Structures are given as structure tokens and as C-alpha cells.
């Protein structure tokens, strides 16, 4: 699985425009081949910071997304940003859920 985190700091006066652009991308991205999830979050403290978290089945799926016209829309927000967007791509070979947390907590605190 591939996880992508994109941080976007909008210019104060362009915050609404950036938000509308990001929200308009959600449904189409979620329909792309290999997309496991695609979510946009607003940083309440920063007020102008948005984070996009994407999960993809394979690197090929992510590469196709990055080469798409839809992704070009995201890159096209450059003039609306206070600083260049930051993008980090993480390759995950293994993940665990609450079952792991619960089993670990049942063992008790370390001594």
C-alpha cells in the first residue's frame, strides 16, 4: 500500500478557492483505479493549511494518478499558495489495526 500526504498552505485571501478546488477533486479521485481512500482535512489551528491523505493499492496506481489531468488541477493551485505544496509518499509493507492495540493493552504496562 502507498500512502501520500500532501500539505497545502493557502494564501489567506485564497483559502476558500483552494478549499473548493480540493473538495472538487475528492469524488473523481476515489473512483480512480487502485484508490483505497482520498480525504481532505482542514487544519483548524492554521486556518489556511489543508492536508490531503491518499491511499493507493500499488505504486503504479499512484503514478497513474499523478500523471492525470485531475492531479494537474492540484498542481495548478500554485499561485494560490503561501508556499509550495509539500508531498510525502510512504510505502507500507504491513499495517495493523485495533486488534493489535487491544492485544498489547491486555498484556499490561511495561515494567
PDB file of N, CA and C in Angstrom:
ATOM      1  N   UNK A   1       0.854  -1.177   0.000  1.00  0.00           N
ATOM      2  CA  UNK A   1       0.000   0.000   0.000  1.00  0.00           C
ATOM      3  C   UNK A   1       0.896   1.235   0.000  1.00  0.00           C
ATOM      4  N   UNK A   2       0.440   2.244  -0.692  1.00  0.00           N
ATOM      5  CA  UNK A   2       1.151   3.513  -0.776  1.00  0.00           C
ATOM      6  C   UNK A   2       0.285   4.583  -0.103  1.00  0.00           C
ATOM      7  N   UNK A   3       0.882   5.341   0.809  1.00  0.00           N
ATOM      8  CA  UNK A   3       0.174   6.439   1.476  1.00  0.00           C
ATOM      9  C   UNK A   3       0.850   7.745   1.087  1.00  0.00           C
ATOM     10  N   UNK A   4       0.035   8.704   0.683  1.00  0.00           N
ATOM     11  CA  UNK A   4       0.531  10.016   0.269  1.00  0.00           C
ATOM     12  C   UNK A   4      -0.048  11.063   1.204  1.00  0.00           C
ATOM     13  N   UNK A   5       0.810  11.960   1.683  1.00  0.00           N
ATOM     14  CA  UNK A   5       0.347  13.105   2.483  1.00  0.00           C
ATOM     15  C   UNK A   5       0.799  14.369   1.768  1.00  0.00           C
ATOM     16  N   UNK A   6      -0.175  15.187   1.421  1.00  0.00           N
ATOM     17  CA  UNK A   6       0.110  16.460   0.763  1.00  0.00           C
ATOM     18  C   UNK A   6      -0.333  17.577   1.697  1.00  0.00           C
ATOM     19  N   UNK A   7       0.584  18.476   2.038  1.00  0.00           N
ATOM     20  CA  UNK A   7       0.276  19.637   2.881  1.00  0.00           C
ATOM     21  C   UNK A   7       0.248  20.877   2.008  1.00  0.00           C
ATOM     22  N   UNK A   8      -0.819  21.646   2.173  1.00  0.00           N
ATOM     23  CA  UNK A   8      -1.046  22.817   1.338  1.00  0.00           C
ATOM     24  C   UNK A   8      -1.325  24.014   2.239  1.00  0.00           C
ATOM     25  N   UNK A   9      -0.534  25.070   2.104  1.00  0.00           N
ATOM     26  CA  UNK A   9      -0.759  26.304   2.872  1.00  0.00           C
ATOM     27  C   UNK A   9      -1.225  27.373   1.901  1.00  0.00           C
ATOM     28  N   UNK A  10      -2.506  27.688   1.973  1.00  0.00           N
ATOM     29  CA  UNK A  10      -3.105  28.669   1.073  1.00  0.00           C
ATOM     30  C   UNK A  10      -2.815  30.093   1.538  1.00  0.00           C
ATOM     31  N   UNK A  11      -2.789  31.007   0.591  1.00  0.00           N
ATOM     32  CA  UNK A  11      -2.792  32.425   0.946  1.00  0.00           C
ATOM     33  C   UNK A  11      -4.106  32.704   1.667  1.00  0.00           C
ATOM     34  N   UNK A  12      -4.083  33.559   2.661  1.00  0.00           N
ATOM     35  CA  UNK A  12      -5.283  33.830   3.460  1.00  0.00           C
ATOM     36  C   UNK A  12      -6.465  34.199   2.571  1.00  0.00           C
ATOM     37  N   UNK A  13      -6.244  35.091   1.626  1.00  0.00           N
ATOM     38  CA  UNK A  13      -7.337  35.565   0.774  1.00  0.00           C
ATOM     39  C   UNK A  13      -7.769  34.539  -0.277  1.00  0.00           C
ATOM     40  N   UNK A  14      -7.034  33.438  -0.415  1.00  0.00           N
ATOM     41  CA  UNK A  14      -7.354  32.400  -1.411  1.00  0.00           C
ATOM     42  C   UNK A  14      -7.788  31.084  -0.761  1.00  0.00           C
ATOM     43  N   UNK A  15      -7.966  31.102   0.561  1.00  0.00           N
ATOM     44  CA  UNK A  15      -8.309  29.883   1.303  1.00  0.00           C
ATOM     45  C   UNK A  15      -9.564  29.204   0.763  1.00  0.00           C
ATOM     46  N   UNK A  16     -10.620  29.966   0.531  1.00  0.00           N
ATOM     47  CA  UNK A  16     -11.872  29.390   0.047  1.00  0.00           C
ATOM     48  C   UNK A  16     -11.698  28.779  -1.332  1.00  0.00           C
ATOM     49  N   UNK A  17     -10.962  29.440  -2.192  1.00  0.00           N
ATOM     50  CA  UNK A  17     -10.728  28.931  -3.544  1.00  0.00           C
ATOM     51  C   UNK A  17      -9.943  27.614  -3.509  1.00  0.00           C
ATOM     52  N   UNK A  18      -8.933  27.555  -2.661  1.00  0.00           N
ATOM     53  CA  UNK A  18      -8.151  26.318  -2.521  1.00  0.00           C
ATOM     54  C   UNK A  18      -9.042  25.208  -1.971  1.00  0.00           C
ATOM     55  N   UNK A  19      -9.832  25.515  -0.955  1.00  0.00           N
ATOM     56  CA  UNK A  19     -10.717  24.524  -0.361  1.00  0.00           C
ATOM     57  C   UNK A  19     -11.704  23.982  -1.395  1.00  0.00           C
ATOM     58  N   UNK A  20     -12.304  24.854  -2.184  1.00  0.00           N
ATOM     59  CA  UNK A  20     -13.246  24.417  -3.210  1.00  0.00           C
ATOM     60  C   UNK A  20     -12.569  23.522  -4.243  1.00  0.00           C
ATOM     61  N   UNK A  21     -11.354  23.868  -4.625  1.00  0.00           N
ATOM     62  CA  UNK A  21     -10.605  23.050  -5.582  1.00  0.00           C
ATOM     63  C   UNK A  21     -10.357  21.664  -5.011  1.00  0.00           C
ATOM     64  N   UNK A  22      -9.892  21.604  -3.773  1.00  0.00           N
ATOM     65  CA  UNK A  22      -9.604  20.313  -3.146  1.00  0.00           C
ATOM     66  C   UNK A  22     -10.866  19.468  -3.004  1.00  0.00           C
ATOM     67  N   UNK A  23     -11.945  20.080  -2.565  1.00  0.00           N
ATOM     68  CA  UNK A  23     -13.194  19.337  -2.391  1.00  0.00           C
ATOM     69  C   UNK A  23     -13.732  18.822  -3.720  1.00  0.00           C
ATOM     70  N   UNK A  24     -13.502  19.565  -4.792  1.00  0.00           N
ATOM     71  CA  UNK A  24     -13.994  19.144  -6.111  1.00  0.00           C
ATOM     72  C   UNK A  24     -13.245  17.922  -6.643  1.00  0.00           C
ATOM     73  N   UNK A  25     -12.102  17.625  -6.085  1.00  0.00           N
ATOM     74  CA  UNK A  25     -11.278  16.518  -6.562  1.00  0.00           C
ATOM     75  C   UNK A  25     -11.590  15.185  -5.875  1.00  0.00           C
ATOM     76  N   UNK A  26     -12.260  15.217  -4.752  1.00  0.00           N
ATOM     77  CA  UNK A  26     -12.419  14.022  -3.926  1.00  0.00           C
ATOM     78  C   UNK A  26     -13.129  12.886  -4.658  1.00  0.00           C
ATOM     79  N   UNK A  27     -14.327  13.134  -5.154  1.00  0.00           N
ATOM     80  CA  UNK A  27     -15.122  12.047  -5.735  1.00  0.00           C
ATOM     81  C   UNK A  27     -14.459  11.411  -6.946  1.00  0.00           C
ATOM     82  N   UNK A  28     -13.888  12.222  -7.820  1.00  0.00           N
ATOM     83  CA  UNK A  28     -13.256  11.645  -9.012  1.00  0.00           C
ATOM     84  C   UNK A  28     -12.004  10.853  -8.644  1.00  0.00           C
ATOM     85  N   UNK A  29     -11.239  11.330  -7.679  1.00  0.00           N
ATOM     86  CA  UNK A  29     -10.038  10.597  -7.251  1.00  0.00           C
ATOM     87  C   UNK A  29     -10.423   9.256  -6.636  1.00  0.00           C
ATOM     88  N   UNK A  30     -11.475   9.244  -5.846  1.00  0.00           N
ATOM     89  CA  UNK A  30     -11.905   8.000  -5.199  1.00  0.00           C
ATOM     90  C   UNK A  30     -12.350   6.946  -6.210  1.00  0.00           C
ATOM     91  N   UNK A  31     -12.735   7.372  -7.409  1.00  0.00           N
ATOM     92  CA  UNK A  31     -13.172   6.435  -8.452  1.00  0.00           C
ATOM     93  C   UNK A  31     -12.017   5.904  -9.293  1.00  0.00           C
ATOM     94  N   UNK A  32     -10.830   6.467  -9.113  1.00  0.00           N
ATOM     95  CA  UNK A  32      -9.680   6.024  -9.902  1.00  0.00           C
ATOM     96  C   UNK A  32      -9.269   4.609  -9.511  1.00  0.00           C
ATOM     97  N   UNK A  33      -8.763   3.879 -10.484  1.00  0.00           N
ATOM     98  CA  UNK A  33      -8.299   2.510 -10.258  1.00  0.00           C
ATOM     99  C   UNK A  33      -7.210   2.505  -9.180  1.00  0.00           C
ATOM    100  N   UNK A  34      -7.402   1.658  -8.185  1.00  0.00           N
ATOM    101  CA  UNK A  34      -6.400   1.497  -7.143  1.00  0.00           C
ATOM    102  C   UNK A  34      -6.502   2.446  -5.969  1.00  0.00           C
ATOM    103  N   UNK A  35      -7.435   3.396  -6.011  1.00  0.00           N
ATOM    104  CA  UNK A  35      -7.581   4.332  -4.892  1.00  0.00           C
ATOM    105  C   UNK A  35      -8.327   3.643  -3.747  1.00  0.00           C
ATOM    106  N   UNK A  36      -7.681   3.535  -2.603  1.00  0.00           N
ATOM    107  CA  UNK A  36      -8.302   2.952  -1.419  1.00  0.00           C
ATOM    108  C   UNK A  36      -9.002   4.019  -0.587  1.00  0.00           C
ATOM    109  N   UNK A  37      -8.427   5.209  -0.554  1.00  0.00           N
ATOM    110  CA  UNK A  37      -9.062   6.339   0.132  1.00  0.00           C
ATOM    111  C   UNK A  37      -8.422   7.639  -0.340  1.00  0.00           C
ATOM    112  N   UNK A  38      -9.203   8.713  -0.231  1.00  0.00           N
ATOM    113  CA  UNK A  38      -8.747  10.046  -0.630  1.00  0.00           C
ATOM    114  C   UNK A  38      -9.531  11.030   0.224  1.00  0.00           C
ATOM    115  N   UNK A  39      -8.857  11.692   1.147  1.00  0.00           N
ATOM    116  CA  UNK A  39      -9.538  12.583   2.083  1.00  0.00           C
ATOM    117  C   UNK A  39      -8.809  13.911   2.205  1.00  0.00           C
ATOM    118  N   UNK A  40      -9.586  14.963   2.439  1.00  0.00           N
ATOM    119  CA  UNK A  40      -9.045  16.310   2.625  1.00  0.00           C
ATOM    120  C   UNK A  40      -9.381  16.757   4.041  1.00  0.00           C
ATOM    121  N   UNK A  41      -8.384  17.277   4.735  1.00  0.00           N
ATOM    122  CA  UNK A  41      -8.560  17.751   6.108  1.00  0.00           C
ATOM    123  C   UNK A  41      -8.114  19.204   6.203  1.00  0.00           C
ATOM    124  N   UNK A  42      -8.834  19.970   7.005  1.00  0.00           N
ATOM    125  CA  UNK A  42      -8.507  21.372   7.229  1.00  0.00           C
ATOM    126  C   UNK A  42      -7.873  21.490   8.604  1.00  0.00           C
ATOM    127  N   UNK A  43      -6.743  22.138   8.696  1.00  0.00           N
ATOM    128  CA  UNK A  43      -6.047  22.363   9.961  1.00  0.00           C
ATOM    129  C   UNK A  43      -6.711  23.552  10.653  1.00  0.00           C
ATOM    130  N   UNK A  44      -7.476  23.280  11.703  1.00  0.00           N
ATOM    131  CA  UNK A  44      -8.226  24.338  12.380  1.00  0.00           C
ATOM    132  C   UNK A  44      -7.326  25.384  13.017  1.00  0.00           C
ATOM    133  N   UNK A  45      -6.141  25.002  13.441  1.00  0.00           N
ATOM    134  CA  UNK A  45      -5.226  25.960  14.055  1.00  0.00           C
ATOM    135  C   UNK A  45      -4.665  26.932  13.033  1.00  0.00           C
ATOM    136  N   UNK A  46      -4.229  26.403  11.906  1.00  0.00           N
ATOM    137  CA  UNK A  46      -3.598  27.237  10.887  1.00  0.00           C
ATOM    138  C   UNK A  46      -4.578  28.019  10.043  1.00  0.00           C
ATOM    139  N   UNK A  47      -5.803  27.533   9.936  1.00  0.00           N
ATOM    140  CA  UNK A  47      -6.875  28.157   9.168  1.00  0.00           C
ATOM    141  C   UNK A  47      -6.620  28.211   7.665  1.00  0.00           C
ATOM    142  N   UNK A  48      -5.387  28.142   7.239  1.00  0.00           N
ATOM    143  CA  UNK A  48      -5.100  28.173   5.803  1.00  0.00           C
ATOM    144  C   UNK A  48      -4.345  26.920   5.360  1.00  0.00           C
ATOM    145  N   UNK A  49      -4.237  25.946   6.259  1.00  0.00           N
ATOM    146  CA  UNK A  49      -3.497  24.723   5.942  1.00  0.00           C
ATOM    147  C   UNK A  49      -4.476  23.574   5.703  1.00  0.00           C
ATOM    148  N   UNK A  50      -4.269  22.885   4.595  1.00  0.00           N
ATOM    149  CA  UNK A  50      -5.067  21.720   4.239  1.00  0.00           C
ATOM    150  C   UNK A  50      -4.130  20.528   4.080  1.00  0.00           C
ATOM    151  N   UNK A  51      -4.629  19.355   4.414  1.00  0.00           N
ATOM    152  CA  UNK A  51      -3.868  18.128   4.212  1.00  0.00           C
ATOM    153  C   UNK A  51      -4.711  17.161   3.398  1.00  0.00           C
ATOM    154  N   UNK A  52      -4.100  16.591   2.389  1.00  0.00           N
ATOM    155  CA  UNK A  52      -4.734  15.556   1.585  1.00  0.00           C
ATOM    156  C   UNK A  52      -4.027  14.253   1.938  1.00  0.00           C
ATOM    157  N   UNK A  53      -4.808  13.251   2.326  1.00  0.00           N
ATOM    158  CA  UNK A  53      -4.265  11.932   2.632  1.00  0.00           C
ATOM    159  C   UNK A  53      -4.863  10.957   1.620  1.00  0.00           C
ATOM    160  N   UNK A  54      -3.982  10.291   0.881  1.00  0.00           N
ATOM    161  CA  UNK A  54      -4.404   9.347  -0.151  1.00  0.00           C
ATOM    162  C   UNK A  54      -3.812   7.979   0.159  1.00  0.00           C
ATOM    163  N   UNK A  55      -4.568   6.923  -0.135  1.00  0.00           N
ATOM    164  CA  UNK A  55      -4.059   5.558  -0.030  1.00  0.00           C
ATOM    165  C   UNK A  55      -4.293   4.862  -1.362  1.00  0.00           C
ATOM    166  N   UNK A  56      -3.244   4.210  -1.862  1.00  0.00           N
ATOM    167  CA  UNK A  56      -3.284   3.543  -3.168  1.00  0.00           C
ATOM    168  C   UNK A  56      -2.831   2.102  -3.025  1.00  0.00           C
ATOM    169  N   UNK A  57      -3.427   1.215  -3.817  1.00  0.00           N
ATOM    170  CA  UNK A  57      -3.048  -0.203  -3.773  1.00  0.00           C
ATOM    171  C   UNK A  57      -1.605  -0.409  -4.195  1.00  0.00           C
ATOM    172  N   UNK A  58      -1.218   0.205  -5.300  1.00  0.00           N
ATOM    173  CA  UNK A  58       0.133  -0.008  -5.836  1.00  0.00           C
ATOM    174  C   UNK A  58       0.767   1.313  -6.247  1.00  0.00           C
ATOM    175  N   UNK A  59       2.066   1.283  -6.435  1.00  0.00           N
ATOM    176  CA  UNK A  59       2.786   2.465  -6.912  1.00  0.00           C
ATOM    177  C   UNK A  59       2.336   2.822  -8.327  1.00  0.00           C
ATOM    178  N   UNK A  60       2.027   1.815  -9.137  1.00  0.00           N
ATOM    179  CA  UNK A  60       1.543   2.063 -10.496  1.00  0.00           C
ATOM    180  C   UNK A  60       0.230   2.849 -10.471  1.00  0.00           C
ATOM    181  N   UNK A  61      -0.654   2.506  -9.532  1.00  0.00           N
ATOM    182  CA  UNK A  61      -1.917   3.241  -9.395  1.00  0.00           C
ATOM    183  C   UNK A  61      -1.648   4.697  -9.028  1.00  0.00           C
ATOM    184  N   UNK A  62      -0.738   4.914  -8.085  1.00  0.00           N
ATOM    185  CA  UNK A  62      -0.382   6.282  -7.697  1.00  0.00           C
ATOM    186  C   UNK A  62       0.253   7.025  -8.868  1.00  0.00           C
ATOM    187  N   UNK A  63       1.159   6.374  -9.576  1.00  0.00           N
ATOM    188  CA  UNK A  63       1.813   7.024 -10.717  1.00  0.00           C
ATOM    189  C   UNK A  63       0.792   7.469 -11.755  1.00  0.00           C
ATOM    190  N   UNK A  64      -0.194   6.613 -12.030  1.00  0.00           N
ATOM    191  CA  UNK A  64      -1.250   6.965 -12.986  1.00  0.00           C
ATOM    192  C   UNK A  64      -2.006   8.201 -12.496  1.00  0.00           C
ATOM    193  N   UNK A  65      -2.293   8.239 -11.205  1.00  0.00           N
ATOM    194  CA  UNK A  65      -2.997   9.385 -10.610  1.00  0.00           C
ATOM    195  C   UNK A  65      -2.165  10.667 -10.752  1.00  0.00           C
ATOM    196  N   UNK A  66      -0.872  10.579 -10.451  1.00  0.00           N
ATOM    197  CA  UNK A  66      -0.004  11.753 -10.525  1.00  0.00           C
ATOM    198  C   UNK A  66       0.095  12.276 -11.956  1.00  0.00           C
ATOM    199  N   UNK A  67       0.010  11.401 -12.931  1.00  0.00           N
ATOM    200  CA  UNK A  67       0.100  11.805 -14.333  1.00  0.00           C
ATOM    201  C   UNK A  67      -1.240  12.255 -14.911  1.00  0.00           C
ATOM    202  N   UNK A  68      -2.305  12.189 -14.110  1.00  0.00           N
ATOM    203  CA  UNK A  68      -3.648  12.517 -14.600  1.00  0.00           C
ATOM    204  C   UNK A  68      -3.892  14.027 -14.661  1.00  0.00           C
ATOM    205  N   UNK A  69      -4.902  14.386 -15.440  1.00  0.00           N
ATOM    206  CA  UNK A  69      -5.334  15.787 -15.520  1.00  0.00           C
ATOM    207  C   UNK A  69      -5.843  16.270 -14.160  1.00  0.00           C
ATOM    208  N   UNK A  70      -6.473  15.372 -13.414  1.00  0.00           N
ATOM    209  CA  UNK A  70      -7.002  15.745 -12.096  1.00  0.00           C
ATOM    210  C   UNK A  70      -5.884  16.215 -11.171  1.00  0.00           C
ATOM    211  N   UNK A  71      -4.756  15.518 -11.218  1.00  0.00           N
ATOM    212  CA  UNK A  71      -3.629  15.916 -10.378  1.00  0.00           C
ATOM    213  C   UNK A  71      -3.047  17.239 -10.868  1.00  0.00           C
ATOM    214  N   UNK A  72      -3.128  17.485 -12.161  1.00  0.00           N
ATOM    215  CA  UNK A  72      -2.663  18.762 -12.717  1.00  0.00           C
ATOM    216  C   UNK A  72      -3.434  19.928 -12.116  1.00  0.00           C
ATOM    217  N   UNK A  73      -4.702  19.696 -11.798  1.00  0.00           N
ATOM    218  CA  UNK A  73      -5.520  20.737 -11.157  1.00  0.00           C
ATOM    219  C   UNK A  73      -4.909  21.110  -9.806  1.00  0.00           C
ATOM    220  N   UNK A  74      -4.488  20.107  -9.053  1.00  0.00           N
ATOM    221  CA  UNK A  74      -3.850  20.367  -7.759  1.00  0.00           C
ATOM    222  C   UNK A  74      -2.565  21.166  -7.946  1.00  0.00           C
ATOM    223  N   UNK A  75      -1.750  20.758  -8.889  1.00  0.00           N
ATOM    224  CA  UNK A  75      -0.506  21.485  -9.156  1.00  0.00           C
ATOM    225  C   UNK A  75      -0.784  22.901  -9.653  1.00  0.00           C
ATOM    226  N   UNK A  76      -1.936  23.102 -10.275  1.00  0.00           N
ATOM    227  CA  UNK A  76      -2.316  24.411 -10.792  1.00  0.00           C
ATOM    228  C   UNK A  76      -2.714  25.417  -9.727  1.00  0.00           C
ATOM    229  N   UNK A  77      -2.791  24.987  -8.469  1.00  0.00           N
ATOM    230  CA  UNK A  77      -3.138  25.918  -7.383  1.00  0.00           C
ATOM    231  C   UNK A  77      -1.928  26.717  -6.915  1.00  0.00           C
ATOM    232  N   UNK A  78      -0.790  26.524  -7.540  1.00  0.00           N
ATOM    233  CA  UNK A  78       0.475  27.141  -7.119  1.00  0.00           C
ATOM    234  C   UNK A  78       0.346  28.633  -6.813  1.00  0.00           C
ATOM    235  N   UNK A  79      -0.373  29.373  -7.637  1.00  0.00           N
ATOM    236  CA  UNK A  79      -0.489  30.827  -7.439  1.00  0.00           C
ATOM    237  C   UNK A  79      -1.391  31.193  -6.255  1.00  0.00           C
ATOM    238  N   UNK A  80      -2.093  30.202  -5.704  1.00  0.00           N
ATOM    239  CA  UNK A  80      -2.998  30.440  -4.578  1.00  0.00           C
ATOM    240  C   UNK A  80      -2.353  30.105  -3.235  1.00  0.00           C
ATOM    241  N   UNK A  81      -1.099  29.665  -3.285  1.00  0.00           N
ATOM    242  CA  UNK A  81      -0.453  29.142  -2.083  1.00  0.00           C
ATOM    243  C   UNK A  81       0.564  30.106  -1.489  1.00  0.00           C
ATOM    244  N   UNK A  82       0.682  30.056  -0.156  1.00  0.00           N
ATOM    245  CA  UNK A  82       1.663  30.879   0.555  1.00  0.00           C
ATOM    246  C   UNK A  82       3.062  30.287   0.433  1.00  0.00           C
ATOM    247  N   UNK A  83       3.133  28.982   0.182  1.00  0.00           N
ATOM    248  CA  UNK A  83       4.416  28.309  -0.040  1.00  0.00           C
ATOM    249  C   UNK A  83       4.135  27.078  -0.892  1.00  0.00           C
ATOM    250  N   UNK A  84       5.152  26.532  -1.539  1.00  0.00           N
ATOM    251  CA  UNK A  84       4.921  25.358  -2.388  1.00  0.00           C
ATOM    252  C   UNK A  84       4.325  24.198  -1.589  1.00  0.00           C
ATOM    253  N   UNK A  85       3.444  23.441  -2.232  1.00  0.00           N
ATOM    254  CA  UNK A  85       2.864  22.308  -1.528  1.00  0.00           C
ATOM    255  C   UNK A  85       3.950  21.290  -1.204  1.00  0.00           C
ATOM    256  N   UNK A  86       3.748  20.568  -0.126  1.00  0.00           N
ATOM    257  CA  UNK A  86       4.691  19.535   0.307  1.00  0.00           C
ATOM    258  C   UNK A  86       4.018  18.184   0.120  1.00  0.00           C
ATOM    259  N   UNK A  87       4.744  17.250  -0.457  1.00  0.00           N
ATOM    260  CA  UNK A  87       4.185  15.924  -0.719  1.00  0.00           C
ATOM    261  C   UNK A  87       5.157  14.857  -0.238  1.00  0.00           C
ATOM    262  N   UNK A  88       4.637  13.919   0.549  1.00  0.00           N
ATOM    263  CA  UNK A  88       5.441  12.792   1.023  1.00  0.00           C
ATOM    264  C   UNK A  88       4.738  11.506   0.617  1.00  0.00           C
ATOM    265  N   UNK A  89       5.512  10.570   0.086  1.00  0.00           N
ATOM    266  CA  UNK A  89       4.989   9.278  -0.349  1.00  0.00           C
ATOM    267  C   UNK A  89       5.602   8.202   0.541  1.00  0.00           C
ATOM    268  N   UNK A  90       4.748   7.392   1.166  1.00  0.00           N
ATOM    269  CA  UNK A  90       5.195   6.341   2.076  1.00  0.00           C
ATOM    270  C   UNK A  90       4.759   4.982   1.528  1.00  0.00           C
ATOM    271  N   UNK A  91       5.686   4.064   1.431  1.00  0.00           N
ATOM    272  CA  UNK A  91       5.372   2.698   1.026  1.00  0.00           C
ATOM    273  C   UNK A  91       5.232   1.856   2.288  1.00  0.00           C
ATOM    274  N   UNK A  92       4.066   1.234   2.443  1.00  0.00           N
ATOM    275  CA  UNK A  92       3.760   0.465   3.646  1.00  0.00           C
ATOM    276  C   UNK A  92       3.737  -1.021   3.285  1.00  0.00           C
ATOM    277  N   UNK A  93       4.554  -1.798   3.967  1.00  0.00           N
ATOM    278  CA  UNK A  93       4.586  -3.232   3.686  1.00  0.00           C
ATOM    279  C   UNK A  93       3.684  -4.016   4.636  1.00  0.00           C
ATOM    280  N   UNK A  94       3.298  -3.402   5.740  1.00  0.00           N
ATOM    281  CA  UNK A  94       2.498  -4.100   6.745  1.00  0.00           C
ATOM    282  C   UNK A  94       1.719  -3.063   7.549  1.00  0.00           C
ATOM    283  N   UNK A  95       0.492  -3.388   7.901  1.00  0.00           N
ATOM    284  CA  UNK A  95      -0.273  -2.497   8.773  1.00  0.00           C
ATOM    285  C   UNK A  95      -1.080  -3.333   9.760  1.00  0.00           C
ATOM    286  N   UNK A  96      -1.385  -2.742  10.899  1.00  0.00           N
ATOM    287  CA  UNK A  96      -2.150  -3.419  11.935  1.00  0.00           C
ATOM    288  C   UNK A  96      -3.235  -2.475  12.424  1.00  0.00           C
ATOM    289  N   UNK A  97      -4.256  -3.045  13.032  1.00  0.00           N
ATOM    290  CA  UNK A  97      -5.379  -2.250  13.494  1.00  0.00           C
ATOM    291  C   UNK A  97      -5.584  -2.350  14.993  1.00  0.00           C
ATOM    292  N   UNK A  98      -6.823  -2.134  15.390  1.00  0.00           N
ATOM    293  CA  UNK A  98      -7.166  -2.116  16.812  1.00  0.00           C
ATOM    294  C   UNK A  98      -6.960  -3.466  17.488  1.00  0.00           C
ATOM    295  N   UNK A  99      -7.016  -4.560  16.724  1.00  0.00           N
ATOM    296  CA  UNK A  99      -6.766  -5.864  17.327  1.00  0.00           C
ATOM    297  C   UNK A  99      -5.382  -5.879  17.979  1.00  0.00           C
ATOM    298  N   UNK A 100      -4.402  -5.309  17.287  1.00  0.00           N
ATOM    299  CA  UNK A 100      -3.047  -5.237  17.826  1.00  0.00           C
ATOM    300  C   UNK A 100      -3.022  -4.377  19.091  1.00  0.00           C
ATOM    301  N   UNK A 101      -3.662  -3.218  19.032  1.00  0.00           N
ATOM    302  CA  UNK A 101      -3.687  -2.307  20.186  1.00  0.00           C
ATOM    303  C   UNK A 101      -4.329  -3.003  21.380  1.00  0.00           C
ATOM    304  N   UNK A 102      -5.470  -3.638  21.136  1.00  0.00           N
ATOM    305  CA  UNK A 102      -6.175  -4.316  22.233  1.00  0.00           C
ATOM    306  C   UNK A 102      -5.343  -5.447  22.824  1.00  0.00           C
ATOM    307  N   UNK A 103      -4.706  -6.252  21.976  1.00  0.00           N
ATOM    308  CA  UNK A 103      -3.907  -7.363  22.499  1.00  0.00           C
ATOM    309  C   UNK A 103      -2.703  -6.846  23.286  1.00  0.00           C
ATOM    310  N   UNK A 104      -2.102  -5.777  22.827  1.00  0.00           N
ATOM    311  CA  UNK A 104      -0.963  -5.199  23.529  1.00  0.00           C
ATOM    312  C   UNK A 104      -1.381  -4.629  24.876  1.00  0.00           C
ATOM    313  N   UNK A 105      -2.529  -3.966  24.904  1.00  0.00           N
ATOM    314  CA  UNK A 105      -3.006  -3.369  26.155  1.00  0.00           C
ATOM    315  C   UNK A 105      -3.431  -4.439  27.156  1.00  0.00           C
ATOM    316  N   UNK A 106      -3.904  -5.572  26.659  1.00  0.00           N
ATOM    317  CA  UNK A 106      -4.296  -6.667  27.555  1.00  0.00           C
ATOM    318  C   UNK A 106      -3.089  -7.246  28.277  1.00  0.00           C
ATOM    319  N   UNK A 107      -1.917  -7.121  27.674  1.00  0.00           N
ATOM    320  CA  UNK A 107      -0.689  -7.624  28.293  1.00  0.00           C
ATOM    321  C   UNK A 107      -0.265  -6.763  29.475  1.00  0.00           C
ATOM    322  N   UNK A 108      -0.765  -5.541  29.550  1.00  0.00           N
ATOM    323  CA  UNK A 108      -0.431  -4.648  30.651  1.00  0.00           C
ATOM    324  C   UNK A 108       0.731  -3.738  30.319  1.00  0.00           C
ATOM    325  N   UNK A 109       0.966  -2.794  31.210  1.00  0.00           N
ATOM    326  CA  UNK A 109       2.032  -1.802  31.013  1.00  0.00           C
ATOM    327  C   UNK A 109       3.396  -2.454  31.184  1.00  0.00           C
ATOM    328  N   UNK A 110       4.406  -1.966  30.451  1.00  0.00           N
ATOM    329  CA  UNK A 110       5.762  -2.500  30.623  1.00  0.00           C
ATOM    330  C   UNK A 110       6.282  -2.203  32.023  1.00  0.00           C
ATOM    331  N   UNK A 111       7.133  -3.087  32.504  1.00  0.00           N
ATOM    332  CA  UNK A 111       7.664  -2.924  33.874  1.00  0.00           C
ATOM    333  C   UNK A 111       9.067  -2.423  33.851  1.00  0.00           C
TER     334      UNK A 111
END
